[in-house]
Amino acid sequence: MERSAHRRADLILIAALLAAAGIWLAAGALMRPEAASAVVVCQSRDGFYRADPLDAETSYTVETPGTGSGEDAAAGLNEVRISGGSVDVVSANCSNQVCVDHAPASQVGEQIVCLPHGLVIEVVADEADATRLEP
């Protein structure tokens, strides 16, 4: 009988742990911002501003004033692509290519920055949450 009581207590403990894990996973899923409602805000220090849903399928080129020397002396060009729930800079004519080498952003709070062109791309839960660049 004593052995049966231990087995029963073990089963109750296992069931309680599984229930707690299930509640923890469900709460985490509810607290996480939905990727479908996330917004990609792309802006530059010279006034360019565009917002698109993260689940959009689009590409566009952002032109910024030139840096004065190098390949982007006359104009900075960054090609931005939103596809498959992420945003990426697929090409840029800046000298350091940090924005192009950056992994695609897909989570709220992630940013891709091109310092030579003064371009910031960020994924936000709501457009009002975007960092505002001053021209």
Protein backbone atom coordinates (compact mmCIF):
# COMPACT_ATOMS: atom_id res chain seq x y z
CA MET A 1 0.00 0.00 0.00
CA GLU A 2 2.87 2.34 0.81
CA ARG A 3 4.37 1.74 -2.64
CA SER A 4 1.02 2.58 -4.26
CA ALA A 5 0.84 5.87 -2.34
CA HIS A 6 4.32 6.88 -3.56
CA ARG A 7 3.41 6.03 -7.15
CA ARG A 8 0.22 8.07 -6.86
CA ALA A 9 2.14 11.06 -5.42
CA ASP A 10 4.67 10.81 -8.27
CA LEU A 11 1.88 10.84 -10.86
CA ILE A 12 0.25 13.88 -9.20
CA LEU A 13 3.61 15.71 -9.17
CA ILE A 14 4.23 14.93 -12.86
CA ALA A 15 0.72 16.09 -13.79
CA ALA A 16 1.18 19.32 -11.84
CA LEU A 17 4.53 20.03 -13.55
CA LEU A 18 3.04 19.38 -16.99
CA ALA A 19 0.11 21.67 -16.22
CA ALA A 20 2.47 24.43 -15.03
CA ALA A 21 4.60 24.08 -18.17
CA GLY A 22 1.49 24.28 -20.35
CA ILE A 23 0.29 27.44 -18.60
CA TRP A 24 3.76 28.99 -18.90
CA LEU A 25 3.90 28.27 -22.67
CA ALA A 26 0.39 29.60 -23.24
CA ALA A 27 1.12 32.79 -21.28
CA GLY A 28 4.33 33.33 -23.26
CA ALA A 29 2.47 32.97 -26.54
CA LEU A 30 -0.19 35.46 -25.44
CA MET A 31 2.38 38.02 -24.26
CA ARG A 32 4.43 37.92 -27.48
CA PRO A 33 3.49 40.59 -30.06
CA GLU A 34 2.04 39.04 -33.18
CA ALA A 35 4.41 39.20 -36.14
CA ALA A 36 1.45 39.81 -38.44
CA SER A 37 0.66 43.06 -36.63
CA ALA A 38 4.28 44.26 -36.57
CA VAL A 39 5.26 47.26 -38.69
CA VAL A 40 8.50 48.06 -40.53
CA VAL A 41 9.39 51.74 -40.22
CA CYS A 42 12.10 52.99 -42.53
CA GLN A 43 13.34 56.55 -42.14
CA SER A 44 16.36 58.71 -42.82
CA ARG A 45 17.76 61.77 -41.11
CA ASP A 46 16.89 63.89 -44.17
CA GLY A 47 13.14 63.23 -43.91
CA PHE A 48 12.37 59.99 -45.79
CA TYR A 49 9.67 58.04 -43.94
CA ARG A 50 7.80 54.89 -44.87
CA ALA A 51 5.86 52.32 -42.84
CA ASP A 52 4.79 48.90 -44.11
CA PRO A 53 3.32 45.82 -42.42
CA LEU A 54 5.97 43.19 -41.69
CA ASP A 55 3.87 40.64 -43.55
CA ALA A 56 3.95 42.74 -46.76
CA GLU A 57 5.78 41.61 -49.89
CA THR A 58 7.49 44.73 -51.25
CA SER A 59 10.82 46.25 -52.26
CA TYR A 60 11.85 49.88 -52.57
CA THR A 61 14.94 52.03 -52.89
CA VAL A 62 15.71 54.79 -50.42
CA GLU A 63 17.76 57.67 -51.83
CA THR A 64 19.60 59.91 -49.39
CA PRO A 65 21.98 62.84 -49.90
CA GLY A 66 25.49 61.82 -50.89
CA THR A 67 28.35 61.45 -48.47
CA GLY A 68 30.70 63.63 -50.53
CA SER A 69 33.21 60.96 -51.46
CA GLY A 70 33.36 57.41 -52.73
CA GLU A 71 30.72 55.52 -54.68
CA ASP A 72 27.91 57.27 -52.78
CA ALA A 73 29.37 60.78 -53.17
CA ALA A 74 26.36 62.15 -55.07
CA ALA A 75 23.56 60.01 -53.57
CA GLY A 76 23.15 57.22 -51.07
CA LEU A 77 21.06 54.29 -52.30
CA ASN A 78 19.69 51.47 -50.14
CA GLU A 79 17.42 48.78 -51.56
CA VAL A 80 15.05 47.51 -48.86
CA ARG A 81 13.04 44.28 -49.19
CA ILE A 82 10.20 43.08 -46.96
CA SER A 83 9.40 39.45 -47.63
CA GLY A 84 8.41 36.33 -45.73
CA GLY A 85 7.92 38.18 -42.45
CA SER A 86 11.32 39.90 -42.37
CA VAL A 87 13.00 43.06 -43.64
CA ASP A 88 16.45 43.21 -45.19
CA VAL A 89 18.75 45.68 -46.95
CA VAL A 90 19.69 43.76 -50.09
CA SER A 91 22.05 46.36 -51.56
CA ALA A 92 23.58 49.71 -50.72
CA ASN A 93 26.24 51.90 -52.29
CA CYS A 94 27.81 52.86 -48.95
CA SER A 95 31.44 52.04 -48.25
CA ASN A 96 31.08 49.77 -45.21
CA GLN A 97 28.11 47.49 -46.19
CA VAL A 98 27.15 46.88 -42.53
CA CYS A 99 23.46 47.28 -43.38
CA VAL A 100 23.71 44.73 -46.21
CA ASP A 101 25.66 42.24 -44.08
CA HIS A 102 23.17 42.55 -41.20
CA ALA A 103 20.84 39.59 -40.75
CA PRO A 104 17.21 40.22 -41.78
CA ALA A 105 15.08 41.72 -38.98
CA SER A 106 11.85 39.94 -38.09
CA GLN A 107 11.23 40.57 -34.39
CA VAL A 108 9.80 43.64 -32.69
CA GLY A 109 12.69 45.78 -31.45
CA GLU A 110 15.20 44.77 -34.12
CA GLN A 111 16.89 47.46 -36.22
CA ILE A 112 19.06 47.69 -39.31
CA VAL A 113 21.11 50.90 -39.55
CA CYS A 114 23.13 52.44 -42.39
CA LEU A 115 25.23 55.11 -40.69
CA PRO A 116 26.79 56.60 -43.85
CA HIS A 117 23.31 57.28 -45.27
CA GLY A 118 21.58 58.07 -41.98
CA LEU A 119 19.01 55.32 -42.54
CA VAL A 120 17.23 53.40 -39.76
CA ILE A 121 14.92 50.47 -40.39
CA GLU A 122 13.13 49.06 -37.35
CA VAL A 123 10.44 46.52 -36.58
CA VAL A 124 7.89 47.87 -34.10
CA ALA A 125 4.62 46.60 -32.67
CA ASP A 126 2.90 49.88 -33.57
CA GLU A 127 4.01 52.68 -35.89
CA ALA A 128 3.80 55.15 -32.99
CA ASP A 129 6.55 53.16 -31.22
CA ALA A 130 9.14 53.97 -33.90
CA THR A 131 12.17 56.07 -32.99
CA ARG A 132 11.72 59.51 -34.53
CA LEU A 133 14.74 60.78 -36.45
CA GLU A 134 15.22 64.50 -36.56
CA PRO A 135 16.09 65.91 -40.00
